[in-house]
Amino acid sequence: MPELRTDRLLLRRWQESDLEPWAAMNADPEVREHLGALLTREQSDAAVALMQSDFDERGFGWWALESRETGEFLGRAGLDEVDEDMPFPGVDIGWRLTRSAWGYGYATEAALACLSFGFEVLGLPEIIASTTVNNLRSQAVMRRIGMTRNPADDFEDPSVPEGPLRRCVLYRRTSRKMPTGCTPRRDTAPFG
């Protein structure tokens, strides 16, 4: 599993020490506001096991986010294949940060590193992102990383019950739009 480095972040493989702060994030109503029900510790741990397995199988997925300055766990960011039940195919970019890490630009910084990896290493022609209509913070990150929205692509998430989390927006970015200077610094291990 490759690591990605930015000025302030290390995107790395999940560690045992990440399980507790990850579970705390998944039990935080503010963090889960646009994601649905809170997760139990068991559900949270199972999510990490699945993320690691998917990454090992595909060569991409969800990295744990760590502050390079403090070593603190900040959340996750990465790329994932869109579920088959969604009304569109593709590779989705996403992020989820601890509440204490909001407002510092970490999501944007991590997302740019993930975009670079997706376009330059994986050779993806397009990366998409989706969120609920009311998740304005994530939509702002999507715009900051150069993604665009066509309201005709908005959709209802079939995996979500009726309610405020069902209506979603879809953003897209093609590789030809990747601005210069967004290549993440990499550790000495090659991508693979």
Protein backbone atom coordinates (compact mmCIF):
# COMPACT_ATOMS: atom_id res chain seq x y z
CA MET A 1 0.00 0.00 0.00
CA PRO A 2 1.60 3.26 -1.07
CA GLU A 3 1.85 6.20 1.25
CA LEU A 4 1.18 9.75 0.12
CA ARG A 5 2.73 12.82 1.72
CA THR A 6 1.66 16.41 1.49
CA ASP A 7 3.09 19.43 3.29
CA ARG A 8 1.13 18.63 6.45
CA LEU A 9 -0.33 15.16 6.02
CA LEU A 10 0.66 11.54 5.76
CA LEU A 11 -1.87 9.31 4.03
CA ARG A 12 -0.92 5.83 5.21
CA ARG A 13 -1.99 2.29 5.99
CA TRP A 14 -4.32 1.88 8.95
CA GLN A 15 -2.75 0.99 12.31
CA GLU A 16 -4.12 -0.59 15.47
CA SER A 17 -3.76 2.79 17.21
CA ASP A 18 -6.25 4.31 14.71
CA LEU A 19 -9.14 2.12 15.81
CA GLU A 20 -10.08 4.08 18.93
CA PRO A 21 -10.06 7.58 17.39
CA TRP A 22 -11.81 6.23 14.26
CA ALA A 23 -14.53 4.70 16.45
CA ALA A 24 -14.88 8.00 18.33
CA MET A 25 -15.40 9.78 14.99
CA ASN A 26 -18.08 7.29 14.00
CA ALA A 27 -19.85 7.85 17.33
CA ASP A 28 -19.79 11.65 16.93
CA PRO A 29 -23.17 13.02 15.76
CA GLU A 30 -21.52 16.07 14.15
CA VAL A 31 -19.12 13.91 12.09
CA ARG A 32 -21.96 11.55 11.12
CA GLU A 33 -24.50 14.33 10.38
CA HIS A 34 -24.51 13.67 6.61
CA LEU A 35 -23.63 9.97 6.81
CA GLY A 36 -26.45 8.37 8.75
CA ALA A 37 -26.59 6.40 11.97
CA LEU A 38 -23.77 6.36 14.50
CA LEU A 39 -21.58 3.24 14.38
CA THR A 40 -20.78 0.90 17.23
CA ARG A 41 -17.14 0.09 17.98
CA GLU A 42 -17.59 -3.30 16.31
CA GLN A 43 -19.03 -1.70 13.14
CA SER A 44 -16.24 0.87 13.10
CA ASP A 45 -13.53 -1.81 13.48
CA ALA A 46 -15.16 -3.89 10.73
CA ALA A 47 -15.09 -0.85 8.42
CA VAL A 48 -11.32 -0.54 8.91
CA ALA A 49 -10.81 -4.24 8.16
CA LEU A 50 -12.87 -3.88 4.97
CA MET A 51 -11.00 -0.72 3.90
CA GLN A 52 -7.65 -2.49 4.33
CA SER A 53 -8.83 -5.58 2.47
CA ASP A 54 -10.20 -3.49 -0.42
CA PHE A 55 -6.94 -1.52 -0.65
CA ASP A 56 -4.84 -4.69 -0.69
CA GLU A 57 -7.06 -6.21 -3.38
CA ARG A 58 -7.32 -3.16 -5.69
CA GLY A 59 -4.21 -1.11 -4.95
CA PHE A 60 -6.28 1.91 -3.91
CA GLY A 61 -8.87 2.79 -1.32
CA TRP A 62 -9.06 4.66 1.97
CA TRP A 63 -5.90 5.90 3.68
CA ALA A 64 -5.71 6.87 7.33
CA LEU A 65 -4.81 10.56 7.69
CA GLU A 66 -2.09 11.59 10.08
CA SER A 67 -0.62 14.97 10.94
CA ARG A 68 3.03 14.95 9.91
CA GLU A 69 3.82 17.48 12.64
CA THR A 70 2.16 15.76 15.60
CA GLY A 71 1.48 12.18 14.45
CA GLU A 72 -2.16 12.68 15.43
CA PHE A 73 -4.84 10.62 13.64
CA LEU A 74 -7.05 13.07 11.71
CA GLY A 75 -9.45 10.79 9.82
CA ARG A 76 -9.47 9.20 6.39
CA ALA A 77 -9.32 10.14 2.72
CA GLY A 78 -9.15 8.13 -0.46
CA LEU A 79 -10.70 6.65 -3.53
CA ASP A 80 -13.33 3.94 -3.76
CA GLU A 81 -15.27 2.16 -6.46
CA VAL A 82 -18.87 3.33 -6.64
CA ASP A 83 -21.33 0.74 -5.32
CA GLU A 84 -23.18 -1.21 -8.01
CA ASP A 85 -26.60 -0.02 -6.81
CA MET A 86 -25.76 3.62 -7.49
CA PRO A 87 -27.18 5.27 -10.64
CA PHE A 88 -23.68 5.90 -12.06
CA PRO A 89 -20.36 4.00 -12.27
CA GLY A 90 -16.89 5.27 -11.48
CA VAL A 91 -14.31 5.92 -8.81
CA ASP A 92 -15.37 8.18 -5.96
CA ILE A 93 -13.15 10.43 -3.86
CA GLY A 94 -13.97 11.15 -0.25
CA TRP A 95 -12.75 12.30 3.14
CA ARG A 96 -13.89 12.23 6.75
CA LEU A 97 -12.06 14.13 9.46
CA THR A 98 -12.22 14.28 13.22
CA ARG A 99 -14.22 17.28 14.40
CA SER A 100 -11.07 18.90 15.85
CA ALA A 101 -9.44 18.82 12.36
CA TRP A 102 -12.23 20.75 10.60
CA GLY A 103 -11.50 24.19 9.18
CA TYR A 104 -7.74 23.81 8.60
CA GLY A 105 -7.78 22.81 4.93
CA TYR A 106 -6.80 19.19 5.61
CA ALA A 107 -9.67 17.76 3.55
CA THR A 108 -8.65 19.84 0.53
CA GLU A 109 -4.97 18.95 0.94
CA ALA A 110 -5.71 15.23 1.28
CA ALA A 111 -8.18 15.28 -1.61
CA LEU A 112 -5.64 16.90 -3.96
CA ALA A 113 -3.16 14.14 -3.09
CA CYS A 114 -5.82 11.51 -3.78
CA LEU A 115 -6.72 13.14 -7.11
CA SER A 116 -3.08 13.14 -8.16
CA PHE A 117 -2.75 9.47 -7.23
CA GLY A 118 -5.93 8.59 -9.11
CA PHE A 119 -5.02 10.45 -12.27
CA GLU A 120 -1.24 10.04 -12.38
CA VAL A 121 -0.74 6.58 -10.86
CA LEU A 122 -4.00 4.78 -11.57
CA GLY A 123 -4.59 6.55 -14.88
CA LEU A 124 -8.25 7.23 -14.17
CA PRO A 125 -9.96 9.41 -16.79
CA GLU A 126 -12.45 10.82 -14.28
CA ILE A 127 -13.02 10.93 -10.52
CA ILE A 128 -16.39 11.69 -8.99
CA ALA A 129 -17.62 12.77 -5.56
CA SER A 130 -21.05 12.75 -4.04
CA THR A 131 -22.63 13.97 -0.84
CA THR A 132 -25.99 15.00 0.52
CA VAL A 133 -27.59 18.18 -0.80
CA ASN A 134 -27.16 19.82 2.61
CA ASN A 135 -23.48 18.94 3.13
CA LEU A 136 -22.20 22.34 2.08
CA ARG A 137 -18.76 21.86 3.71
CA SER A 138 -17.95 18.84 1.53
CA GLN A 139 -19.37 20.54 -1.54
CA ALA A 140 -17.02 23.48 -0.87
CA VAL A 141 -14.06 21.07 -0.79
CA MET A 142 -15.22 19.54 -4.07
CA ARG A 143 -15.23 22.97 -5.70
CA ARG A 144 -11.82 23.86 -4.21
CA ILE A 145 -10.25 20.76 -5.78
CA GLY A 146 -11.60 21.69 -9.19
CA MET A 147 -14.66 19.46 -9.37
CA THR A 148 -17.81 20.68 -11.08
CA ARG A 149 -21.48 19.87 -10.62
CA ASN A 150 -24.20 19.48 -13.21
CA PRO A 151 -27.55 19.59 -11.36
CA ALA A 152 -28.91 17.11 -13.93
CA ASP A 153 -26.59 14.51 -12.32
CA ASP A 154 -28.07 14.95 -8.82
CA PHE A 155 -29.66 11.74 -7.58
CA GLU A 156 -31.39 9.91 -4.77
CA ASP A 157 -29.12 7.42 -3.01
CA PRO A 158 -30.90 4.05 -3.23
CA SER A 159 -29.02 2.75 -0.16
CA VAL A 160 -30.49 5.45 2.09
CA PRO A 161 -34.05 5.40 3.48
CA GLU A 162 -36.41 8.26 2.70
CA GLY A 163 -35.35 11.41 4.50
CA PRO A 164 -32.88 14.30 4.39
CA LEU A 165 -29.85 12.13 3.56
CA ARG A 166 -31.34 10.53 0.44
CA ARG A 167 -31.06 13.50 -1.97
CA CYS A 168 -27.46 13.86 -3.18
CA VAL A 169 -25.31 15.95 -5.49
CA LEU A 170 -22.65 14.60 -7.84
CA TYR A 171 -19.42 16.38 -8.73
CA ARG A 172 -16.92 15.35 -11.41
CA ARG A 173 -13.35 16.05 -12.39
CA THR A 174 -11.49 14.79 -15.45
CA SER A 175 -7.75 14.22 -15.53
CA ARG A 176 -7.09 16.93 -18.10
CA LYS A 177 -8.23 19.50 -15.53
CA MET A 178 -5.51 18.53 -13.01
CA PRO A 179 -3.63 21.77 -12.25
CA THR A 180 0.12 21.78 -12.04
CA GLY A 181 1.67 21.76 -8.61
CA CYS A 182 -0.81 19.27 -7.12
CA THR A 183 1.45 16.22 -7.25
CA PRO A 184 1.82 14.80 -3.75
CA ARG A 185 5.29 14.21 -2.40
CA ARG A 186 5.81 10.49 -2.07
CA ASP A 187 7.78 8.37 0.32
CA THR A 188 10.67 6.34 -1.07
CA ALA A 189 8.51 3.28 -1.72
CA PRO A 190 7.18 3.15 -5.29
CA PHE A 191 3.46 3.16 -5.96
CA GLY A 192 2.18 -0.24 -6.85
